[in-house]
Amino acid sequence: MKTGEKRYAMESKREQAMVGLFVLVAGAVLVATVFALSGAFGGNATTYRVYFAFAGGLEPGATVRYAGGPKVGRVEKLQLDPKDTSRIEITFSVKSGLPVKTDSHVKIMSLSPLGDNHLEIVPGSEKAALATTGMILLSDPYVDFNALTAKINDIAPQAQQLLKTLNDRASELQVTLARVNDLLNDSNRANLAGTLADTRGMISENRGSVKATVQNLSSAAQKLEPLLQDLRKTSAQANETLNHVDSLIGENRADIRQAVIELRQSLATVTDLTGRLDQTLDVNSDNIDELLENLRHVSQNLKEFTNTIKTRPYTLIRSTNPREHKPGEPQ
């Protein structure tokens, strides 16, 4: 009995040891798998840096995704930028061989409103070169959900005012539609239909006249075409003449300027002479009036003398008038 109990106890301890060893191996494999998935053993990983004014609650170990796809890395470190304490420097690593370009940019995103934030790498262009290890990548500003909610709350009064305005406009539109419906009642529609029918009738009746008018207009347009061509030629000739005049004036500009100056001097001289003549007339106006009166008397006397010579020419040789001859007397 004692021998069997000892053998059973030894087998029981052996089984316990095997179970313990299995648990240790499984735990080690599990820990290694977790570290491998988290990138802890990624000795060939590539690190980059990026700066954000607001980190969005990221912590070391946060996920890094590429183009919204699977996990490609993790956040390694967060710290204040020594050169600018208003921003956060984030160092993250990704698996080697990932096509991160020099124009790739990084942003903080979340797969759901209630999910944790992660870093998202947006692919760059095909022509851009690959980013080197430790390179600083471009970043997009992070829009916090709370900040977005605050902005929405800020614009809520304006949105309410806009909705109120839209409601007022909708009421006015309803009133306008009601008025339009009143205008388009059966009676007005009948009148409109009658007017359209009358218009069609008038068009049908005057179709021949309209056609003849159009033909006359076409004929007149054809007749006007030669006139327009002549007018264009005349305009071209006038332009050419003006160009010649401009060139002539340009060539003789100095002579023309000298002639204008001399003409101005002549006008000034004439003006001066006219002024002096006016002054002379003003000064001698009385003498001139007396002279004119004497001339008038002389003219009158000369006229009388001429008349006397015509009627009694004998006065030129006789000093007295002849005796009147009576009938029957000898001469």
Protein backbone atom coordinates (compact mmCIF):
# COMPACT_ATOMS: atom_id res chain seq x y z
CA MET A 1 0.00 0.00 0.00
CA LYS A 2 2.69 2.43 0.83
CA THR A 3 4.49 1.76 -2.44
CA GLY A 4 1.30 2.46 -4.46
CA GLU A 5 0.64 5.65 -2.58
CA LYS A 6 4.14 6.88 -3.24
CA ARG A 7 3.83 6.08 -6.93
CA TYR A 8 0.48 7.91 -7.11
CA ALA A 9 1.92 10.94 -5.32
CA MET A 10 4.87 11.08 -7.73
CA GLU A 11 2.60 10.86 -10.77
CA SER A 12 0.38 13.58 -9.30
CA LYS A 13 3.35 15.89 -8.81
CA ARG A 14 4.55 15.14 -12.33
CA GLU A 15 1.16 16.08 -13.74
CA GLN A 16 1.11 19.27 -11.71
CA ALA A 17 4.57 20.16 -12.97
CA MET A 18 3.51 19.54 -16.56
CA VAL A 19 0.43 21.68 -16.10
CA GLY A 20 2.48 24.46 -14.53
CA LEU A 21 5.02 24.28 -17.33
CA PHE A 22 2.25 24.42 -19.93
CA VAL A 23 0.74 27.45 -18.22
CA LEU A 24 4.10 29.20 -18.15
CA VAL A 25 4.75 28.47 -21.83
CA ALA A 26 1.25 29.59 -22.81
CA GLY A 27 1.65 32.79 -20.79
CA ALA A 28 5.01 33.49 -22.39
CA VAL A 29 3.57 32.89 -25.86
CA LEU A 30 0.63 35.15 -25.06
CA VAL A 31 2.85 37.93 -23.74
CA ALA A 32 5.15 37.60 -26.75
CA THR A 33 2.15 37.75 -29.08
CA VAL A 34 0.81 40.86 -27.35
CA PHE A 35 4.18 42.58 -27.52
CA ALA A 36 4.63 41.52 -31.13
CA LEU A 37 1.23 42.89 -32.08
CA SER A 38 1.90 46.11 -30.20
CA GLY A 39 5.24 46.53 -31.98
CA ALA A 40 7.38 46.19 -28.91
CA PHE A 41 9.68 43.84 -30.78
CA GLY A 42 9.68 45.91 -33.92
CA GLY A 43 13.39 46.55 -34.05
CA ASN A 44 13.10 47.34 -37.75
CA ALA A 45 10.34 49.94 -37.26
CA THR A 46 10.68 53.48 -38.64
CA THR A 47 9.99 56.47 -36.42
CA TYR A 48 8.64 59.88 -37.39
CA ARG A 49 7.67 63.04 -35.58
CA VAL A 50 4.68 65.34 -35.87
CA TYR A 51 3.46 68.45 -34.01
CA PHE A 52 -0.09 69.27 -32.92
CA ALA A 53 -1.52 72.25 -31.07
CA PHE A 54 -3.99 69.84 -29.44
CA ALA A 55 -3.17 66.14 -29.02
CA GLY A 56 -6.76 64.98 -28.59
CA GLY A 57 -6.02 62.83 -25.54
CA LEU A 58 -3.47 60.57 -27.27
CA GLU A 59 -1.18 58.54 -25.04
CA PRO A 60 1.87 56.36 -25.67
CA GLY A 61 0.76 53.10 -27.20
CA ALA A 62 -2.09 54.66 -29.19
CA THR A 63 -2.72 53.11 -32.59
CA VAL A 64 -1.31 54.45 -35.85
CA ARG A 65 -3.24 53.66 -39.04
CA TYR A 66 -2.41 54.23 -42.70
CA ALA A 67 -5.15 55.60 -45.01
CA GLY A 68 -7.90 54.38 -42.69
CA GLY A 69 -6.63 50.81 -43.00
CA PRO A 70 -5.12 48.38 -40.51
CA LYS A 71 -2.80 49.21 -37.67
CA VAL A 72 0.70 49.98 -38.90
CA GLY A 73 2.36 51.33 -35.76
CA ARG A 74 2.03 52.92 -32.36
CA VAL A 75 2.61 56.21 -30.58
CA GLU A 76 5.93 56.06 -28.77
CA LYS A 77 6.19 59.34 -26.92
CA LEU A 78 4.37 62.64 -26.32
CA GLN A 79 6.11 65.73 -24.97
CA LEU A 80 6.00 69.51 -25.13
CA ASP A 81 7.99 71.03 -27.94
CA PRO A 82 11.09 72.52 -26.28
CA LYS A 83 11.17 75.32 -28.84
CA ASP A 84 7.44 76.09 -28.74
CA THR A 85 5.54 75.06 -25.65
CA SER A 86 2.20 75.83 -27.31
CA ARG A 87 2.33 72.56 -29.25
CA ILE A 88 2.84 68.86 -28.57
CA GLU A 89 5.57 66.77 -30.18
CA ILE A 90 4.42 63.23 -30.93
CA THR A 91 6.91 60.52 -31.84
CA PHE A 92 5.42 57.42 -33.46
CA SER A 93 6.76 54.33 -35.15
CA VAL A 94 5.46 52.35 -38.11
CA LYS A 95 6.54 49.09 -39.63
CA SER A 96 9.42 49.26 -42.03
CA GLY A 97 8.60 49.48 -45.71
CA LEU A 98 5.46 51.58 -45.26
CA PRO A 99 5.32 54.15 -48.15
CA VAL A 100 5.35 57.31 -46.04
CA LYS A 101 6.17 60.23 -48.40
CA THR A 102 7.62 63.65 -47.71
CA ASP A 103 4.25 65.23 -48.47
CA SER A 104 2.26 62.76 -46.36
CA HIS A 105 0.43 64.41 -43.51
CA VAL A 106 -0.85 63.14 -40.19
CA LYS A 107 -4.11 63.85 -38.42
CA ILE A 108 -5.87 62.74 -35.26
CA MET A 109 -9.02 60.76 -35.94
CA SER A 110 -11.53 58.44 -34.33
CA LEU A 111 -13.38 55.54 -35.93
CA SER A 112 -16.55 56.45 -34.02
CA PRO A 113 -17.78 59.37 -31.92
CA LEU A 114 -17.22 57.36 -28.75
CA GLY A 115 -14.06 55.56 -29.89
CA ASP A 116 -10.49 56.29 -28.90
CA ASN A 117 -8.45 58.66 -30.99
CA HIS A 118 -5.59 57.40 -33.15
CA LEU A 119 -3.04 58.80 -35.56
CA GLU A 120 -3.99 58.60 -39.22
CA ILE A 121 -1.33 58.82 -41.94
CA VAL A 122 -2.69 60.26 -45.18
CA PRO A 123 -0.71 58.96 -48.20
CA GLY A 124 1.33 61.45 -50.19
CA SER A 125 1.68 61.85 -53.94
CA GLU A 126 3.33 59.27 -56.14
CA LYS A 127 6.05 61.65 -57.30
CA ALA A 128 7.12 62.60 -53.77
CA ALA A 129 10.17 60.96 -52.21
CA LEU A 130 10.02 58.58 -49.25
CA ALA A 131 10.34 60.19 -45.84
CA THR A 132 13.49 59.40 -43.90
CA THR A 133 13.63 58.12 -40.33
CA GLY A 134 12.99 60.84 -37.76
CA MET A 135 11.57 63.23 -40.32
CA ILE A 136 8.93 65.75 -39.21
CA LEU A 137 5.69 65.18 -41.13
CA LEU A 138 2.96 67.69 -41.84
CA SER A 139 -0.08 67.70 -39.56
CA ASP A 140 -3.74 68.66 -39.95
CA PRO A 141 -5.36 70.63 -37.10
CA TYR A 142 -7.39 68.45 -34.78
CA VAL A 143 -11.07 69.34 -34.48
CA ASP A 144 -12.26 68.40 -31.03
CA PHE A 145 -15.78 67.05 -30.77
CA ASN A 146 -16.46 69.31 -27.81
CA ALA A 147 -15.14 72.33 -29.72
CA LEU A 148 -17.30 71.36 -32.67
CA THR A 149 -20.30 71.09 -30.36
CA ALA A 150 -19.51 74.52 -28.92
CA LYS A 151 -19.37 76.01 -32.42
CA ILE A 152 -22.69 74.39 -33.23
CA ASN A 153 -24.14 75.88 -30.06
CA ASP A 154 -22.76 79.28 -31.06
CA ILE A 155 -24.44 79.18 -34.45
CA ALA A 156 -27.67 77.71 -33.07
CA PRO A 157 -29.30 81.16 -32.51
CA GLN A 158 -28.40 82.17 -36.05
CA ALA A 159 -29.83 78.90 -37.33
CA GLN A 160 -33.03 79.53 -35.40
CA GLN A 161 -33.26 83.03 -36.86
CA LEU A 162 -32.69 81.57 -40.32
CA LEU A 163 -35.44 79.01 -39.77
CA LYS A 164 -37.77 81.76 -38.59
CA THR A 165 -36.97 83.81 -41.70
CA LEU A 166 -37.58 80.76 -43.87
CA ASN A 167 -40.92 80.20 -42.17
CA ASP A 168 -41.88 83.83 -42.80
CA ARG A 169 -40.86 83.52 -46.44
CA ALA A 170 -42.82 80.29 -46.70
CA SER A 171 -45.90 82.08 -45.36
CA GLU A 172 -45.41 84.90 -47.86
CA LEU A 173 -44.97 82.33 -50.61
CA GLN A 174 -48.22 80.67 -49.62
CA VAL A 175 -49.99 84.04 -49.81
CA THR A 176 -48.45 84.66 -53.22
CA LEU A 177 -49.53 81.23 -54.44
CA ALA A 178 -53.04 81.92 -53.18
CA ARG A 179 -53.12 85.19 -55.12
CA VAL A 180 -51.82 83.44 -58.21
CA ASN A 181 -54.54 80.83 -57.85
CA ASP A 182 -57.09 83.64 -57.57
CA LEU A 183 -55.72 85.22 -60.73
CA LEU A 184 -55.82 81.88 -62.52
CA ASN A 185 -59.43 81.08 -61.75
CA ASP A 186 -61.78 79.61 -64.33
CA SER A 187 -62.92 83.00 -65.61
CA ASN A 188 -59.40 84.38 -66.03
CA ARG A 189 -58.21 81.16 -67.62
CA ALA A 190 -61.08 81.37 -70.09
CA ASN A 191 -60.20 84.99 -70.87
CA LEU A 192 -56.55 84.05 -71.30
CA ALA A 193 -57.50 81.20 -73.61
CA GLY A 194 -59.68 83.58 -75.63
CA THR A 195 -56.85 86.10 -75.86
CA LEU A 196 -54.46 83.41 -77.05
CA ALA A 197 -57.01 82.26 -79.62
CA ASP A 198 -57.47 85.84 -80.86
CA THR A 199 -53.71 86.23 -81.06
CA ARG A 200 -53.39 83.06 -83.09
CA GLY A 201 -56.17 84.28 -85.38
CA MET A 202 -54.48 87.64 -85.88
CA ILE A 203 -51.20 85.92 -86.65
CA SER A 204 -52.92 83.62 -89.13
CA GLU A 205 -54.72 86.52 -90.82
CA ASN A 206 -51.61 88.67 -91.05
CA ARG A 207 -49.21 85.90 -91.89
CA GLY A 208 -49.08 86.97 -95.52
CA SER A 209 -48.45 90.60 -94.59
CA VAL A 210 -45.80 89.61 -92.10
CA LYS A 211 -44.15 87.41 -94.70
CA ALA A 212 -44.25 90.23 -97.26
CA THR A 213 -42.81 92.63 -94.68
CA VAL A 214 -40.00 90.21 -93.92
CA GLN A 215 -39.31 89.84 -97.64
CA ASN A 216 -39.28 93.62 -98.04
CA LEU A 217 -36.89 93.91 -95.13
CA SER A 218 -34.65 91.29 -96.71
CA SER A 219 -34.74 93.14 -100.03
CA ALA A 220 -34.01 96.43 -98.30
CA ALA A 221 -31.12 94.81 -96.45
CA GLN A 222 -29.71 93.55 -99.74
CA LYS A 223 -30.03 97.03 -101.24
CA LEU A 224 -28.42 98.57 -98.20
CA GLU A 225 -25.40 96.32 -98.46
CA PRO A 226 -23.76 98.27 -101.37
CA LEU A 227 -24.50 101.51 -99.52
CA LEU A 228 -22.86 100.14 -96.41
CA GLN A 229 -19.85 99.08 -98.46
CA ASP A 230 -19.59 102.58 -99.94
CA LEU A 231 -19.92 104.01 -96.46
CA ARG A 232 -17.12 101.76 -95.26
CA LYS A 233 -14.94 102.87 -98.19
CA THR A 234 -15.76 106.51 -97.48
CA SER A 235 -14.93 106.01 -93.81
CA ALA A 236 -11.64 104.39 -94.76
CA GLN A 237 -10.82 107.27 -97.10
CA ALA A 238 -11.76 109.78 -94.40
CA ASN A 239 -9.50 107.99 -91.94
CA GLU A 240 -6.70 108.03 -94.51
CA THR A 241 -7.25 111.75 -95.11
CA LEU A 242 -7.19 112.44 -91.39
CA ASN A 243 -3.97 110.48 -91.10
CA HIS A 244 -2.47 112.58 -93.91
CA VAL A 245 -3.64 115.75 -92.18
CA ASP A 246 -2.15 114.55 -88.91
CA SER A 247 1.14 113.76 -90.60
CA LEU A 248 1.09 117.13 -92.41
CA ILE A 249 0.39 118.95 -89.17
CA GLY A 250 3.13 116.95 -87.51
CA GLU A 251 5.62 117.85 -90.23
CA ASN A 252 4.70 121.58 -90.25
CA ARG A 253 3.90 121.93 -86.60
CA ALA A 254 6.64 124.52 -85.99
CA ASP A 255 5.48 126.69 -88.94
CA ILE A 256 1.86 126.42 -87.86
CA ARG A 257 2.78 127.38 -84.32
CA GLN A 258 4.73 130.42 -85.60
CA ALA A 259 1.78 131.40 -87.83
CA VAL A 260 -0.60 131.14 -84.89
CA ILE A 261 1.72 133.33 -82.81
CA GLU A 262 1.89 135.96 -85.57
CA LEU A 263 -1.89 135.79 -86.01
CA ARG A 264 -2.32 136.40 -82.30
CA GLN A 265 0.03 139.37 -82.49
CA SER A 266 -1.94 140.77 -85.46
CA LEU A 267 -5.20 140.33 -83.59
CA ALA A 268 -3.69 142.12 -80.60
CA THR A 269 -2.60 145.01 -82.87
CA VAL A 270 -6.06 145.23 -84.48
CA THR A 271 -7.64 145.21 -81.04
CA ASP A 272 -5.34 148.02 -79.94
CA LEU A 273 -6.14 150.08 -83.06
CA THR A 274 -9.85 149.50 -82.58
CA GLY A 275 -9.58 150.69 -79.02
CA ARG A 276 -7.72 153.81 -80.06
CA LEU A 277 -10.27 154.53 -82.80
CA ASP A 278 -13.10 154.18 -80.31
CA GLN A 279 -11.28 156.52 -77.96
CA THR A 280 -10.73 159.06 -80.76
CA LEU A 281 -14.38 158.91 -81.73
CA ASP A 282 -15.43 159.40 -78.13
CA VAL A 283 -13.16 162.44 -77.73
CA ASN A 284 -14.14 164.12 -81.03
CA SER A 285 -17.77 163.14 -81.07
CA ASP A 286 -18.92 166.79 -80.71
CA ASN A 287 -16.65 168.05 -83.53
CA ILE A 288 -17.74 165.24 -85.74
CA ASP A 289 -21.39 166.08 -85.11
CA GLU A 290 -20.75 169.76 -86.02
CA LEU A 291 -18.81 168.75 -89.10
CA LEU A 292 -21.60 166.46 -90.19
CA GLU A 293 -24.12 169.30 -89.68
CA ASN A 294 -22.01 171.67 -91.81
CA LEU A 295 -21.70 169.00 -94.46
CA ARG A 296 -25.46 168.65 -94.40
CA HIS A 297 -25.94 172.43 -94.92
CA VAL A 298 -23.35 172.47 -97.70
CA SER A 299 -25.08 169.56 -99.36
CA GLN A 300 -28.40 171.38 -99.08
CA ASN A 301 -26.97 174.58 -100.54
CA LEU A 302 -25.28 172.65 -103.32
CA LYS A 303 -28.54 170.95 -104.10
CA GLU A 304 -30.38 174.27 -104.25
CA PHE A 305 -27.66 175.75 -106.47
CA THR A 306 -27.88 172.79 -108.79
CA ASN A 307 -31.62 173.12 -109.03
CA THR A 308 -31.27 176.85 -109.78
CA ILE A 309 -28.80 176.17 -112.56
CA LYS A 310 -31.13 173.62 -114.03
CA THR A 311 -34.18 175.92 -113.97
CA ARG A 312 -32.50 179.33 -114.60
CA PRO A 313 -29.20 178.83 -116.32
CA TYR A 314 -29.09 182.52 -117.38
CA THR A 315 -28.25 183.48 -113.86
CA LEU A 316 -24.74 182.43 -114.63
CA ILE A 317 -24.35 185.41 -117.14
CA ARG A 318 -26.89 187.93 -115.85
CA SER A 319 -26.88 189.68 -112.59
CA THR A 320 -30.64 190.50 -112.56
CA ASN A 321 -33.71 188.73 -113.57
CA PRO A 322 -35.03 189.61 -117.15
CA ARG A 323 -38.14 191.73 -117.52
CA GLU A 324 -41.21 189.82 -118.02
CA HIS A 325 -42.29 189.86 -121.71
CA LYS A 326 -45.80 190.98 -122.31
CA PRO A 327 -47.76 189.78 -125.24
CA GLY A 328 -47.64 192.17 -128.28
CA GLU A 329 -44.40 193.82 -127.17
CA PRO A 330 -41.37 193.53 -129.34
CA GLN A 331 -38.62 191.60 -127.91
